[in-house]
Amino acid sequence: MAARNGRGVPDTDEMIVVHRLFMQEYRAAVPLVRGVRPGDRARSGIVADHLDALDAMLTEHHLAEDELVWPRLAVDPAVEPALTARMEEQHERIAEALGRLRSALPQWRASADPALRDTVADACAELLPALEAHLGDEEEHILPLVPGRFTVAEWAVLSERGRAVVPKAQRLYMLGALGEAAGDDRRDEFLGRLPGPVRLIYRIAGRTLRRRTRARLHGTRASGGVGVPVA
């Protein structure tokens, strides 16, 4: 759903949930990576796939803003040029941090080497401050500028591009992760954006799907809603 309250206003609240998802998953990635045992290439492969998916999603999220949002705001005389310049600089810092993570990931995926594991975990940790600062800045200063400057259809393109890059194998996990990121305060809005069939599946089996997809990522078995470590 691209509009809020049926008034033809772009749905910027959806982006807040996506931001929460990125922070939630990258924070969780630090202990997740550190928990992979040396030489356990099956686990390093699963976790690396997850980090690759997050990388693709975050990179596309920022690319869409670089191509569709900043140019529009940059030519608006009511918007301070320093604001869009700051957004672009923040994207560059995040891209550099993602680059360090990306460079270490293939070798760790293939070897599950403990030194590389620590490099990957440290890269995730180093990404967090820049990401948190940027997303908060964007929510405070950019999202309020969207109504009146973007149509519903124009703003919806960002969501469409973001959904398109989620790897098929990761879609169930990310659906559950978005529901978790929405929290109690935004869960009804999150559900309202889902297509009818997907919303029905989520209401009926969302918690089970989330347990199962989390169990695979974390190397646990979903049992009675509680992960049981795999022997």
Foldseek 3Di string as FASTA:
>chain_A
DQDPPPPQWGDCVLVVLVLLLLLVVLVVLLVLLLPDDFQPLVLLQLSLVVLVLSLQLVVLLLVCCVVQPLVLQCPDPVHDVVLSVVLVVLVVVLVVLVVQLVVLSVVCNRGVHNVSSNSNSVSSVVNNVSSVVNVVSCVVPPVVPRTPSDTSVSSVVSVVSSVVSRDPVCVLQVLLSSCVSCPPVRNVVSLVPDPPVVSVCCVVCVLVSNQCVVCSNRQFDQDPSDTHHDD
